[in-house]
Full PDB file with SEQRES, HELIX, SHEET, SSBOND, CRYST1, ORIGX, SCALE, CONECT and MASTER records, all heavy atoms in Angstrom:
SEQRES   1 A   48  GLU GLY LEU GLU ALA ILE PHE ALA ARG HIS SER ARG HIS          
SEQRES   2 A   48  ARG ALA ALA SER HIS ALA ALA MET LYS ALA ILE GLY LEU          
SEQRES   3 A   48  PRO LEU PHE ALA ALA GLU GLY PHE GLY SER PRO ALA ILE          
SEQRES   4 A   48  THR ALA VAL ALA PRO ASN GLY ILE ASP                          
HELIX    1 AA1 LEU A    3  ILE A   24  1                                  22    
CRYST1    1.000    1.000    1.000  90.00  90.00  90.00 P 1           1          
ORIGX1      1.000000  0.000000  0.000000        0.00000                         
ORIGX2      0.000000  1.000000  0.000000        0.00000                         
ORIGX3      0.000000  0.000000  1.000000        0.00000                         
SCALE1      1.000000  0.000000  0.000000        0.00000                         
SCALE2      0.000000  1.000000  0.000000        0.00000                         
SCALE3      0.000000  0.000000  1.000000        0.00000                         
ATOM      1  N   GLU A   1       0.830  -1.210   0.000  1.00  0.00           N  
ATOM      2  CA  GLU A   1       0.000   0.000   0.000  1.00  0.00           C  
ATOM      3  C   GLU A   1       0.862   1.257   0.000  1.00  0.00           C  
ATOM      4  O   GLU A   1       0.557   2.229  -0.685  1.00  0.00           O  
ATOM      5  CB  GLU A   1      -0.929   0.003   1.217  1.00  0.00           C  
ATOM      6  CG  GLU A   1      -1.904   1.178   1.227  1.00  0.00           C  
ATOM      7  CD  GLU A   1      -2.913   1.107   2.364  1.00  0.00           C  
ATOM      8  OE1 GLU A   1      -2.829   0.177   3.204  1.00  0.00           O  
ATOM      9  OE2 GLU A   1      -3.791   1.993   2.417  1.00  0.00           O  
ATOM     10  N   GLY A   2       1.942   1.249   0.771  1.00  0.00           N  
ATOM     11  CA  GLY A   2       2.839   2.400   0.843  1.00  0.00           C  
ATOM     12  C   GLY A   2       2.492   3.317   1.994  1.00  0.00           C  
ATOM     13  O   GLY A   2       1.318   3.502   2.334  1.00  0.00           O  
ATOM     14  N   LEU A   3       3.509   3.901   2.611  1.00  0.00           N  
ATOM     15  CA  LEU A   3       3.296   4.727   3.799  1.00  0.00           C  
ATOM     16  C   LEU A   3       2.356   5.898   3.537  1.00  0.00           C  
ATOM     17  O   LEU A   3       1.416   6.146   4.306  1.00  0.00           O  
ATOM     18  CB  LEU A   3       4.630   5.243   4.344  1.00  0.00           C  
ATOM     19  CG  LEU A   3       5.517   4.244   5.083  1.00  0.00           C  
ATOM     20  CD1 LEU A   3       6.816   4.923   5.511  1.00  0.00           C  
ATOM     21  CD2 LEU A   3       4.795   3.664   6.292  1.00  0.00           C  
ATOM     22  N   GLU A   4       2.598   6.645   2.463  1.00  0.00           N  
ATOM     23  CA  GLU A   4       1.780   7.830   2.197  1.00  0.00           C  
ATOM     24  C   GLU A   4       0.323   7.448   1.976  1.00  0.00           C  
ATOM     25  O   GLU A   4      -0.586   8.151   2.440  1.00  0.00           O  
ATOM     26  CB  GLU A   4       2.329   8.603   0.992  1.00  0.00           C  
ATOM     27  CG  GLU A   4       3.690   9.239   1.244  1.00  0.00           C  
ATOM     28  CD  GLU A   4       3.689  10.152   2.457  1.00  0.00           C  
ATOM     29  OE1 GLU A   4       2.715  10.907   2.645  1.00  0.00           O  
ATOM     30  OE2 GLU A   4       4.665  10.092   3.237  1.00  0.00           O  
ATOM     31  N   ALA A   5       0.085   6.341   1.297  1.00  0.00           N  
ATOM     32  CA  ALA A   5      -1.290   5.896   1.055  1.00  0.00           C  
ATOM     33  C   ALA A   5      -1.953   5.454   2.361  1.00  0.00           C  
ATOM     34  O   ALA A   5      -3.147   5.703   2.576  1.00  0.00           O  
ATOM     35  CB  ALA A   5      -1.305   4.754   0.041  1.00  0.00           C  
ATOM     36  N   ILE A   6      -1.191   4.802   3.229  1.00  0.00           N  
ATOM     37  CA  ILE A   6      -1.733   4.390   4.533  1.00  0.00           C  
ATOM     38  C   ILE A   6      -2.152   5.615   5.342  1.00  0.00           C  
ATOM     39  O   ILE A   6      -3.251   5.663   5.908  1.00  0.00           O  
ATOM     40  CB  ILE A   6      -0.689   3.553   5.302  1.00  0.00           C  
ATOM     41  CG1 ILE A   6      -0.475   2.195   4.640  1.00  0.00           C  
ATOM     42  CG2 ILE A   6      -1.121   3.368   6.760  1.00  0.00           C  
ATOM     43  CD1 ILE A   6       0.695   1.411   5.208  1.00  0.00           C  
ATOM     44  N   PHE A   7      -1.273   6.608   5.401  1.00  0.00           N  
ATOM     45  CA  PHE A   7      -1.590   7.808   6.182  1.00  0.00           C  
ATOM     46  C   PHE A   7      -2.780   8.550   5.570  1.00  0.00           C  
ATOM     47  O   PHE A   7      -3.645   9.053   6.299  1.00  0.00           O  
ATOM     48  CB  PHE A   7      -0.369   8.735   6.239  1.00  0.00           C  
ATOM     49  CG  PHE A   7       0.881   8.092   6.784  1.00  0.00           C  
ATOM     50  CD1 PHE A   7       2.144   8.524   6.385  1.00  0.00           C  
ATOM     51  CD2 PHE A   7       0.805   7.042   7.692  1.00  0.00           C  
ATOM     52  CE1 PHE A   7       3.289   7.927   6.876  1.00  0.00           C  
ATOM     53  CE2 PHE A   7       1.955   6.439   8.195  1.00  0.00           C  
ATOM     54  CZ  PHE A   7       3.205   6.884   7.781  1.00  0.00           C  
ATOM     55  N   ALA A   8      -2.838   8.616   4.243  1.00  0.00           N  
ATOM     56  CA  ALA A   8      -3.946   9.300   3.572  1.00  0.00           C  
ATOM     57  C   ALA A   8      -5.270   8.586   3.837  1.00  0.00           C  
ATOM     58  O   ALA A   8      -6.306   9.238   4.034  1.00  0.00           O  
ATOM     59  CB  ALA A   8      -3.678   9.383   2.069  1.00  0.00           C  
ATOM     60  N   ARG A   9      -5.239   7.259   3.844  1.00  0.00           N  
ATOM     61  CA  ARG A   9      -6.466   6.487   4.113  1.00  0.00           C  
ATOM     62  C   ARG A   9      -6.992   6.783   5.512  1.00  0.00           C  
ATOM     63  O   ARG A   9      -8.205   7.011   5.705  1.00  0.00           O  
ATOM     64  CB  ARG A   9      -6.183   4.989   3.932  1.00  0.00           C  
ATOM     65  CG  ARG A   9      -7.312   4.083   4.384  1.00  0.00           C  
ATOM     66  CD  ARG A   9      -7.113   2.653   3.901  1.00  0.00           C  
ATOM     67  NE  ARG A   9      -5.834   2.079   4.284  1.00  0.00           N  
ATOM     68  CZ  ARG A   9      -5.603   1.479   5.460  1.00  0.00           C  
ATOM     69  NH1 ARG A   9      -6.557   1.391   6.368  1.00  0.00           N  
ATOM     70  NH2 ARG A   9      -4.413   0.955   5.716  1.00  0.00           N  
ATOM     71  N   HIS A  10      -6.112   6.784   6.486  1.00  0.00           N  
ATOM     72  CA  HIS A  10      -6.555   7.053   7.852  1.00  0.00           C  
ATOM     73  C   HIS A  10      -7.053   8.496   8.004  1.00  0.00           C  
ATOM     74  O   HIS A  10      -8.042   8.746   8.716  1.00  0.00           O  
ATOM     75  CB  HIS A  10      -5.421   6.754   8.835  1.00  0.00           C  
ATOM     76  CG  HIS A  10      -5.217   5.288   9.099  1.00  0.00           C  
ATOM     77  ND1 HIS A  10      -4.466   4.480   8.282  1.00  0.00           N  
ATOM     78  CD2 HIS A  10      -5.696   4.494  10.084  1.00  0.00           C  
ATOM     79  CE1 HIS A  10      -4.475   3.246   8.753  1.00  0.00           C  
ATOM     80  NE2 HIS A  10      -5.222   3.221   9.844  1.00  0.00           N  
ATOM     81  N   SER A  11      -6.399   9.425   7.352  1.00  0.00           N  
ATOM     82  CA  SER A  11      -6.861  10.816   7.406  1.00  0.00           C  
ATOM     83  C   SER A  11      -8.236  10.955   6.758  1.00  0.00           C  
ATOM     84  O   SER A  11      -9.103  11.697   7.256  1.00  0.00           O  
ATOM     85  CB  SER A  11      -5.863  11.736   6.694  1.00  0.00           C  
ATOM     86  OG  SER A  11      -4.640  11.779   7.393  1.00  0.00           O  
ATOM     87  N   ARG A  12      -8.442  10.243   5.649  1.00  0.00           N  
ATOM     88  CA  ARG A  12      -9.727  10.284   4.960  1.00  0.00           C  
ATOM     89  C   ARG A  12     -10.841   9.708   5.825  1.00  0.00           C  
ATOM     90  O   ARG A  12     -11.942  10.266   5.903  1.00  0.00           O  
ATOM     91  CB  ARG A  12      -9.612   9.512   3.643  1.00  0.00           C  
ATOM     92  CG  ARG A  12     -10.794   9.691   2.707  1.00  0.00           C  
ATOM     93  CD  ARG A  12     -10.539   9.059   1.346  1.00  0.00           C  
ATOM     94  NE  ARG A  12     -10.506   7.608   1.395  1.00  0.00           N  
ATOM     95  CZ  ARG A  12      -9.432   6.866   1.223  1.00  0.00           C  
ATOM     96  NH1 ARG A  12      -8.252   7.447   1.026  1.00  0.00           N  
ATOM     97  NH2 ARG A  12      -9.499   5.546   1.258  1.00  0.00           N  
ATOM     98  N   HIS A  13     -10.555   8.629   6.520  1.00  0.00           N  
ATOM     99  CA  HIS A  13     -11.573   8.020   7.381  1.00  0.00           C  
ATOM    100  C   HIS A  13     -11.876   8.896   8.594  1.00  0.00           C  
ATOM    101  O   HIS A  13     -13.012   8.946   9.062  1.00  0.00           O  
ATOM    102  CB  HIS A  13     -11.126   6.620   7.806  1.00  0.00           C  
ATOM    103  CG  HIS A  13     -11.116   5.643   6.674  1.00  0.00           C  
ATOM    104  ND1 HIS A  13     -10.480   4.416   6.737  1.00  0.00           N  
ATOM    105  CD2 HIS A  13     -11.682   5.713   5.434  1.00  0.00           C  
ATOM    106  CE1 HIS A  13     -10.652   3.777   5.587  1.00  0.00           C  
ATOM    107  NE2 HIS A  13     -11.367   4.543   4.788  1.00  0.00           N  
ATOM    108  N   ARG A  14     -10.865   9.575   9.102  1.00  0.00           N  
ATOM    109  CA  ARG A  14     -11.114  10.542  10.172  1.00  0.00           C  
ATOM    110  C   ARG A  14     -12.038  11.655   9.668  1.00  0.00           C  
ATOM    111  O   ARG A  14     -13.018  12.003  10.330  1.00  0.00           O  
ATOM    112  CB  ARG A  14      -9.799  11.145  10.661  1.00  0.00           C  
ATOM    113  CG  ARG A  14      -9.987  12.343  11.602  1.00  0.00           C  
ATOM    114  CD  ARG A  14      -8.648  12.903  12.078  1.00  0.00           C  
ATOM    115  NE  ARG A  14      -7.782  13.276  10.963  1.00  0.00           N  
ATOM    116  CZ  ARG A  14      -6.483  13.567  11.086  1.00  0.00           C  
ATOM    117  NH1 ARG A  14      -5.902  13.526  12.279  1.00  0.00           N  
ATOM    118  NH2 ARG A  14      -5.765  13.891  10.037  1.00  0.00           N  
ATOM    119  N   ALA A  15     -11.719  12.203   8.504  1.00  0.00           N  
ATOM    120  CA  ALA A  15     -12.527  13.297   7.959  1.00  0.00           C  
ATOM    121  C   ALA A  15     -13.961  12.857   7.701  1.00  0.00           C  
ATOM    122  O   ALA A  15     -14.914  13.603   7.990  1.00  0.00           O  
ATOM    123  CB  ALA A  15     -11.888  13.814   6.665  1.00  0.00           C  
ATOM    124  N   ALA A  16     -14.131  11.649   7.185  1.00  0.00           N  
ATOM    125  CA  ALA A  16     -15.473  11.148   6.904  1.00  0.00           C  
ATOM    126  C   ALA A  16     -16.265  10.934   8.193  1.00  0.00           C  
ATOM    127  O   ALA A  16     -17.458  11.282   8.275  1.00  0.00           O  
ATOM    128  CB  ALA A  16     -15.392   9.846   6.112  1.00  0.00           C  
ATOM    129  N   SER A  17     -15.614  10.376   9.196  1.00  0.00           N  
ATOM    130  CA  SER A  17     -16.291  10.136  10.472  1.00  0.00           C  
ATOM    131  C   SER A  17     -16.674  11.453  11.137  1.00  0.00           C  
ATOM    132  O   SER A  17     -17.782  11.598  11.675  1.00  0.00           O  
ATOM    133  CB  SER A  17     -15.391   9.322  11.398  1.00  0.00           C  
ATOM    134  OG  SER A  17     -15.086   8.059  10.830  1.00  0.00           O  
ATOM    135  N   HIS A  18     -15.769  12.420  11.106  1.00  0.00           N  
ATOM    136  CA  HIS A  18     -16.056  13.725  11.694  1.00  0.00           C  
ATOM    137  C   HIS A  18     -17.232  14.395  10.982  1.00  0.00           C  
ATOM    138  O   HIS A  18     -18.153  14.919  11.630  1.00  0.00           O  
ATOM    139  CB  HIS A  18     -14.821  14.628  11.603  1.00  0.00           C  
ATOM    140  CG  HIS A  18     -13.752  14.282  12.582  1.00  0.00           C  
ATOM    141  ND1 HIS A  18     -12.717  15.138  12.890  1.00  0.00           N  
ATOM    142  CD2 HIS A  18     -13.529  13.172  13.329  1.00  0.00           C  
ATOM    143  CE1 HIS A  18     -11.923  14.578  13.779  1.00  0.00           C  
ATOM    144  NE2 HIS A  18     -12.392  13.378  14.054  1.00  0.00           N  
ATOM    145  N   ALA A  19     -17.198  14.382   9.653  1.00  0.00           N  
ATOM    146  CA  ALA A  19     -18.266  15.017   8.881  1.00  0.00           C  
ATOM    147  C   ALA A  19     -19.612  14.355   9.151  1.00  0.00           C  
ATOM    148  O   ALA A  19     -20.640  15.035   9.284  1.00  0.00           O  
ATOM    149  CB  ALA A  19     -17.935  14.960   7.388  1.00  0.00           C  
ATOM    150  N   ALA A  20     -19.594  13.027   9.256  1.00  0.00           N  
ATOM    151  CA  ALA A  20     -20.838  12.294   9.491  1.00  0.00           C  
ATOM    152  C   ALA A  20     -21.434  12.632  10.842  1.00  0.00           C  
ATOM    153  O   ALA A  20     -22.643  12.904  10.967  1.00  0.00           O  
ATOM    154  CB  ALA A  20     -20.576  10.789   9.383  1.00  0.00           C  
ATOM    155  N   MET A  21     -20.630  12.635  11.873  1.00  0.00           N  
ATOM    156  CA  MET A  21     -21.149  12.901  13.215  1.00  0.00           C  
ATOM    157  C   MET A  21     -21.676  14.339  13.322  1.00  0.00           C  
ATOM    158  O   MET A  21     -22.719  14.590  13.936  1.00  0.00           O  
ATOM    159  CB  MET A  21     -20.065  12.649  14.264  1.00  0.00           C  
ATOM    160  CG  MET A  21     -19.630  11.192  14.383  1.00  0.00           C  
ATOM    161  SD  MET A  21     -20.982  10.023  14.740  1.00  0.00           S  
ATOM    162  CE  MET A  21     -21.223   9.267  13.116  1.00  0.00           C  
ATOM    163  N   LYS A  22     -20.992  15.278  12.705  1.00  0.00           N  
ATOM    164  CA  LYS A  22     -21.453  16.666  12.722  1.00  0.00           C  
ATOM    165  C   LYS A  22     -22.780  16.802  11.982  1.00  0.00           C  
ATOM    166  O   LYS A  22     -23.688  17.526  12.420  1.00  0.00           O  
ATOM    167  CB  LYS A  22     -20.401  17.581  12.106  1.00  0.00           C  
ATOM    168  CG  LYS A  22     -19.141  17.752  12.961  1.00  0.00           C  
ATOM    169  CD  LYS A  22     -18.105  18.625  12.258  1.00  0.00           C  
ATOM    170  CE  LYS A  22     -16.856  18.810  13.098  1.00  0.00           C  
ATOM    171  NZ  LYS A  22     -15.820  19.627  12.401  1.00  0.00           N  
ATOM    172  N   ALA A  23     -22.929  16.086  10.863  1.00  0.00           N  
ATOM    173  CA  ALA A  23     -24.167  16.159  10.087  1.00  0.00           C  
ATOM    174  C   ALA A  23     -25.345  15.557  10.850  1.00  0.00           C  
ATOM    175  O   ALA A  23     -26.480  16.027  10.723  1.00  0.00           O  
ATOM    176  CB  ALA A  23     -23.978  15.443   8.753  1.00  0.00           C  
ATOM    177  N   ILE A  24     -25.063  14.552  11.652  1.00  0.00           N  
ATOM    178  CA  ILE A  24     -26.107  13.929  12.462  1.00  0.00           C  
ATOM    179  C   ILE A  24     -26.483  14.823  13.644  1.00  0.00           C  
ATOM    180  O   ILE A  24     -27.583  14.733  14.191  1.00  0.00           O  
ATOM    181  CB  ILE A  24     -25.637  12.543  12.963  1.00  0.00           C  
ATOM    182  CG1 ILE A  24     -25.427  11.589  11.802  1.00  0.00           C  
ATOM    183  CG2 ILE A  24     -26.639  11.930  13.933  1.00  0.00           C  
ATOM    184  CD1 ILE A  24     -24.755  10.280  12.181  1.00  0.00           C  
ATOM    185  N   GLY A  25     -25.559  15.709  14.016  1.00  0.00           N  
ATOM    186  CA  GLY A  25     -25.798  16.583  15.156  1.00  0.00           C  
ATOM    187  C   GLY A  25     -25.164  16.086  16.435  1.00  0.00           C  
ATOM    188  O   GLY A  25     -25.555  16.503  17.534  1.00  0.00           O  
ATOM    189  N   LEU A  26     -24.166  15.216  16.293  1.00  0.00           N  
ATOM    190  CA  LEU A  26     -23.469  14.683  17.460  1.00  0.00           C  
ATOM    191  C   LEU A  26     -22.114  15.382  17.594  1.00  0.00           C  
ATOM    192  O   LEU A  26     -21.280  15.285  16.699  1.00  0.00           O  
ATOM    193  CB  LEU A  26     -23.258  13.169  17.333  1.00  0.00           C  
ATOM    194  CG  LEU A  26     -24.519  12.322  17.187  1.00  0.00           C  
ATOM    195  CD1 LEU A  26     -24.148  10.846  17.103  1.00  0.00           C  
ATOM    196  CD2 LEU A  26     -25.485  12.556  18.337  1.00  0.00           C  
ATOM    197  N   PRO A  27     -21.853  16.064  18.718  1.00  0.00           N  
ATOM    198  CA  PRO A  27     -20.587  16.786  18.886  1.00  0.00           C  
ATOM    199  C   PRO A  27     -19.402  15.837  19.010  1.00  0.00           C  
ATOM    200  O   PRO A  27     -19.507  14.753  19.588  1.00  0.00           O  
ATOM    201  CB  PRO A  27     -20.790  17.577  20.196  1.00  0.00           C  
ATOM    202  CG  PRO A  27     -22.255  17.540  20.469  1.00  0.00           C  
ATOM    203  CD  PRO A  27     -22.770  16.279  19.854  1.00  0.00           C  
ATOM    204  N   LEU A  28     -18.271  16.263  18.462  1.00  0.00           N  
ATOM    205  CA  LEU A  28     -17.028  15.521  18.653  1.00  0.00           C  
ATOM    206  C   LEU A  28     -16.450  15.865  20.016  1.00  0.00           C  
ATOM    207  O   LEU A  28     -16.607  16.978  20.510  1.00  0.00           O  
ATOM    208  CB  LEU A  28     -16.030  15.876  17.551  1.00  0.00           C  
ATOM    209  CG  LEU A  28     -16.494  15.615  16.119  1.00  0.00           C  
ATOM    210  CD1 LEU A  28     -15.421  16.058  15.130  1.00  0.00           C  
ATOM    211  CD2 LEU A  28     -16.849  14.152  15.905  1.00  0.00           C  
ATOM    212  N   PHE A  29     -15.756  14.904  20.616  1.00  0.00           N  
ATOM    213  CA  PHE A  29     -15.178  15.132  21.942  1.00  0.00           C  
ATOM    214  C   PHE A  29     -13.808  15.794  21.863  1.00  0.00           C  
ATOM    215  O   PHE A  29     -13.468  16.646  22.674  1.00  0.00           O  
ATOM    216  CB  PHE A  29     -15.074  13.817  22.720  1.00  0.00           C  
ATOM    217  CG  PHE A  29     -14.614  14.002  24.141  1.00  0.00           C  
ATOM    218  CD1 PHE A  29     -15.440  14.581  25.091  1.00  0.00           C  
ATOM    219  CD2 PHE A  29     -13.334  13.624  24.527  1.00  0.00           C  
ATOM    220  CE1 PHE A  29     -15.011  14.770  26.394  1.00  0.00           C  
ATOM    221  CE2 PHE A  29     -12.901  13.804  25.826  1.00  0.00           C  
ATOM    222  CZ  PHE A  29     -13.747  14.384  26.765  1.00  0.00           C  
ATOM    223  N   ALA A  30     -13.000  15.395  20.873  1.00  0.00           N  
ATOM    224  CA  ALA A  30     -11.654  15.963  20.743  1.00  0.00           C  
ATOM    225  C   ALA A  30     -11.743  17.402  20.252  1.00  0.00           C  
ATOM    226  O   ALA A  30     -12.623  17.766  19.469  1.00  0.00           O  
ATOM    227  CB  ALA A  30     -10.815  15.130  19.782  1.00  0.00           C  
ATOM    228  N   ALA A  31     -10.806  18.218  20.709  1.00  0.00           N  
ATOM    229  CA  ALA A  31     -10.750  19.606  20.273  1.00  0.00           C  
ATOM    230  C   ALA A  31     -10.610  19.678  18.751  1.00  0.00           C  
ATOM    231  O   ALA A  31      -9.938  18.841  18.140  1.00  0.00           O  
ATOM    232  CB  ALA A  31      -9.576  20.319  20.943  1.00  0.00           C  
ATOM    233  N   GLU A  32     -11.256  20.665  18.151  1.00  0.00           N  
ATOM    234  CA  GLU A  32     -11.228  20.832  16.697  1.00  0.00           C  
ATOM    235  C   GLU A  32      -9.790  20.918  16.193  1.00  0.00           C  
ATOM    236  O   GLU A  32      -8.964  21.662  16.714  1.00  0.00           O  
ATOM    237  CB  GLU A  32     -11.983  22.107  16.308  1.00  0.00           C  
ATOM    238  CG  GLU A  32     -12.158  22.305  14.823  1.00  0.00           C  
ATOM    239  CD  GLU A  32     -13.135  21.325  14.198  1.00  0.00           C  
ATOM    240  OE1 GLU A  32     -14.083  20.898  14.896  1.00  0.00           O  
ATOM    241  OE2 GLU A  32     -12.937  20.982  13.012  1.00  0.00           O  
ATOM    242  N   GLY A  33      -9.496  20.109  15.175  1.00  0.00           N  
ATOM    243  CA  GLY A  33      -8.169  20.121  14.591  1.00  0.00           C  
ATOM    244  C   GLY A  33      -7.193  19.170  15.236  1.00  0.00           C  
ATOM    245  O   GLY A  33      -6.056  19.034  14.769  1.00  0.00           O  
ATOM    246  N   PHE A  34      -7.617  18.489  16.309  1.00  0.00           N  
ATOM    247  CA  PHE A  34      -6.712  17.577  17.012  1.00  0.00           C  
ATOM    248  C   PHE A  34      -7.282  16.159  17.103  1.00  0.00           C  
ATOM    249  O   PHE A  34      -6.938  15.405  18.010  1.00  0.00           O  
ATOM    250  CB  PHE A  34      -6.395  18.119  18.408  1.00  0.00           C  
ATOM    251  CG  PHE A  34      -5.557  19.366  18.393  1.00  0.00           C  
ATOM    252  CD1 PHE A  34      -6.156  20.614  18.435  1.00  0.00           C  
ATOM    253  CD2 PHE A  34      -4.176  19.294  18.267  1.00  0.00           C  
ATOM    254  CE1 PHE A  34      -5.397  21.774  18.400  1.00  0.00           C  
ATOM    255  CE2 PHE A  34      -3.407  20.453  18.226  1.00  0.00           C  
ATOM    256  CZ  PHE A  34      -4.019  21.695  18.296  1.00  0.00           C  
ATOM    257  N   GLY A  35      -8.150  15.804  16.163  1.00  0.00           N  
ATOM    258  CA  GLY A  35      -8.698  14.451  16.155  1.00  0.00           C  
ATOM    259  C   GLY A  35      -7.675  13.447  15.672  1.00  0.00           C  
ATOM    260  O   GLY A  35      -6.941  13.689  14.714  1.00  0.00           O  
ATOM    261  N   SER A  36      -7.626  12.310  16.332  1.00  0.00           N  
ATOM    262  CA  SER A  36      -6.690  11.256  15.939  1.00  0.00           C  
ATOM    263  C   SER A  36      -7.151  10.589  14.655  1.00  0.00           C  
ATOM    264  O   SER A  36      -8.350  10.359  14.461  1.00  0.00           O  
ATOM    265  CB  SER A  36      -6.595  10.210  17.055  1.00  0.00           C  
ATOM    266  OG  SER A  36      -5.900   9.057  16.597  1.00  0.00           O  
ATOM    267  N   PRO A  37      -6.221  10.238  13.757  1.00  0.00           N  
ATOM    268  CA  PRO A  37      -6.596   9.490  12.561  1.00  0.00           C  
ATOM    269  C   PRO A  37      -6.973   8.039  12.862  1.00  0.00           C  
ATOM    270  O   PRO A  37      -7.445   7.332  11.976  1.00  0.00           O  
ATOM    271  CB  PRO A  37      -5.345   9.560  11.685  1.00  0.00           C  
ATOM    272  CG  PRO A  37      -4.221   9.740  12.653  1.00  0.00           C  
ATOM    273  CD  PRO A  37      -4.781  10.569  13.773  1.00  0.00           C  
ATOM    274  N   ALA A  38      -6.777   7.627  14.105  1.00  0.00           N  
ATOM    275  CA  ALA A  38      -7.062   6.245  14.483  1.00  0.00           C  
ATOM    276  C   ALA A  38      -8.469   6.055  15.031  1.00  0.00           C  
ATOM    277  O   ALA A  38      -9.046   4.969  14.914  1.00  0.00           O  
ATOM    278  CB  ALA A  38      -6.052   5.760  15.524  1.00  0.00           C  
ATOM    279  N   ILE A  39      -9.037   7.109  15.636  1.00  0.00           N  
ATOM    280  CA  ILE A  39     -10.305   6.940  16.339  1.00  0.00           C  
ATOM    281  C   ILE A  39     -11.009   8.281  16.493  1.00  0.00           C  
ATOM    282  O   ILE A  39     -10.367   9.312  16.689  1.00  0.00           O  
ATOM    283  CB  ILE A  39     -10.071   6.300  17.721  1.00  0.00           C  
ATOM    284  CG1 ILE A  39     -11.394   5.992  18.409  1.00  0.00           C  
ATOM    285  CG2 ILE A  39      -9.158   7.144  18.603  1.00  0.00           C  
ATOM    286  CD1 ILE A  39     -11.263   5.019  19.563  1.00  0.00           C  
ATOM    287  N   THR A  40     -12.323   8.250  16.373  1.00  0.00           N  
ATOM    288  CA  THR A  40     -13.147   9.442  16.545  1.00  0.00           C  
ATOM    289  C   THR A  40     -13.980   9.277  17.810  1.00  0.00           C  
ATOM    290  O   THR A  40     -14.754   8.319  17.929  1.00  0.00           O  
ATOM    291  CB  THR A  40     -14.068   9.653  15.328  1.00  0.00           C  
ATOM    292  OG1 THR A  40     -13.269   9.949  14.189  1.00  0.00           O  
ATOM    293  CG2 THR A  40     -15.051  10.790  15.571  1.00  0.00           C  
ATOM    294  N   ALA A  41     -13.803  10.200  18.748  1.00  0.00           N  
ATOM    295  CA  ALA A  41     -14.582  10.187  19.990  1.00  0.00           C  
ATOM    296  C   ALA A  41     -15.759  11.148  19.835  1.00  0.00           C  
ATOM    297  O   ALA A  41     -15.591  12.289  19.405  1.00  0.00           O  
ATOM    298  CB  ALA A  41     -13.708  10.596  21.168  1.00  0.00           C  
ATOM    299  N   VAL A  42     -16.950  10.670  20.197  1.00  0.00           N  
ATOM    300  CA  VAL A  42     -18.187  11.427  20.019  1.00  0.00           C  
ATOM    301  C   VAL A  42     -18.863  11.592  21.372  1.00  0.00           C  
ATOM    302  O   VAL A  42     -18.971  10.640  22.149  1.00  0.00           O  
ATOM    303  CB  VAL A  42     -19.133  10.705  19.042  1.00  0.00           C  
ATOM    304  CG1 VAL A  42     -20.365  11.548  18.740  1.00  0.00           C  
ATOM    305  CG2 VAL A  42     -18.402  10.326  17.757  1.00  0.00           C  
ATOM    306  N   ALA A  43     -19.326  12.819  21.663  1.00  0.00           N  
ATOM    307  CA  ALA A  43     -20.003  13.122  22.930  1.00  0.00           C  
ATOM    308  C   ALA A  43     -21.455  13.467  22.640  1.00  0.00           C  
ATOM    309  O   ALA A  43     -21.798  14.639  22.456  1.00  0.00           O  
ATOM    310  CB  ALA A  43     -19.300  14.270  23.646  1.00  0.00           C  
ATOM    311  N   PRO A  44     -22.336  12.476  22.578  1.00  0.00           N  
ATOM    312  CA  PRO A  44     -23.729  12.720  22.177  1.00  0.00           C  
ATOM    313  C   PRO A  44     -24.551  13.320  23.323  1.00  0.00           C  
ATOM    314  O   PRO A  44     -25.136  12.597  24.139  1.00  0.00           O  
ATOM    315  CB  PRO A  44     -24.223  11.332  21.803  1.00  0.00           C  
ATOM    316  CG  PRO A  44     -23.439  10.406  22.683  1.00  0.00           C  
ATOM    317  CD  PRO A  44     -22.089  11.058  22.875  1.00  0.00           C  
ATOM    318  N   ASN A  45     -24.604  14.619  23.396  1.00  0.00           N  
ATOM    319  CA  ASN A  45     -25.308  15.299  24.484  1.00  0.00           C  
ATOM    320  C   ASN A  45     -26.748  14.810  24.613  1.00  0.00           C  
ATOM    321  O   ASN A  45     -27.485  14.740  23.631  1.00  0.00           O  
ATOM    322  CB  ASN A  45     -25.321  16.818  24.234  1.00  0.00           C  
ATOM    323  CG  ASN A  45     -23.936  17.424  24.323  1.00  0.00           C  
ATOM    324  OD1 ASN A  45     -23.052  16.879  24.981  1.00  0.00           O  
ATOM    325  ND2 ASN A  45     -23.724  18.548  23.645  1.00  0.00           N  
ATOM    326  N   GLY A  46     -27.102  14.441  25.841  1.00  0.00           N  
ATOM    327  CA  GLY A  46     -28.461  14.008  26.096  1.00  0.00           C  
ATOM    328  C   GLY A  46     -28.770  12.594  25.656  1.00  0.00           C  
ATOM    329  O   GLY A  46     -29.924  12.157  25.706  1.00  0.00           O  
ATOM    330  N   ILE A  47     -27.773  11.870  25.206  1.00  0.00           N  
ATOM    331  CA  ILE A  47     -27.957  10.494  24.751  1.00  0.00           C  
ATOM    332  C   ILE A  47     -27.048   9.577  25.556  1.00  0.00           C  
ATOM    333  O   ILE A  47     -25.877   9.898  25.781  1.00  0.00           O  
ATOM    334  CB  ILE A  47     -27.627  10.363  23.247  1.00  0.00           C  
ATOM    335  CG1 ILE A  47     -28.586  11.223  22.409  1.00  0.00           C  
ATOM    336  CG2 ILE A  47     -27.679   8.911  22.798  1.00  0.00           C  
ATOM    337  CD1 ILE A  47     -28.242  11.258  20.935  1.00  0.00           C  
ATOM    338  N   ASP A  48     -27.580   8.457  26.014  1.00  0.00           N  
ATOM    339  CA  ASP A  48     -26.781   7.471  26.737  1.00  0.00           C  
ATOM    340  C   ASP A  48     -25.890   6.745  25.732  1.00  0.00           C  
ATOM    341  O   ASP A  48     -26.376   5.935  24.930  1.00  0.00           O  
ATOM    342  CB  ASP A  48     -27.702   6.488  27.457  1.00  0.00           C  
ATOM    343  CG  ASP A  48     -26.941   5.486  28.314  1.00  0.00           C  
ATOM    344  OD1 ASP A  48     -25.720   5.329  28.109  1.00  0.00           O  
ATOM    345  OD2 ASP A  48     -27.568   4.847  29.175  1.00  0.00           O  
TER     346      ASP A  48                                                      
MASTER        0    0    0    1    0    0    0    6  345    1    0    4          
END                                                                             
């Protein structure tokens, strides 16, 4: 796959996950601009 492609894939999945959660109306837990490419933490206010 290659290093650059691996890093790009993880960055793309982070961006997609972030965009999806924002569109649903679920706030992200990590500070804006500091989300890990490995995992997206979501803080769904008012939801268990």
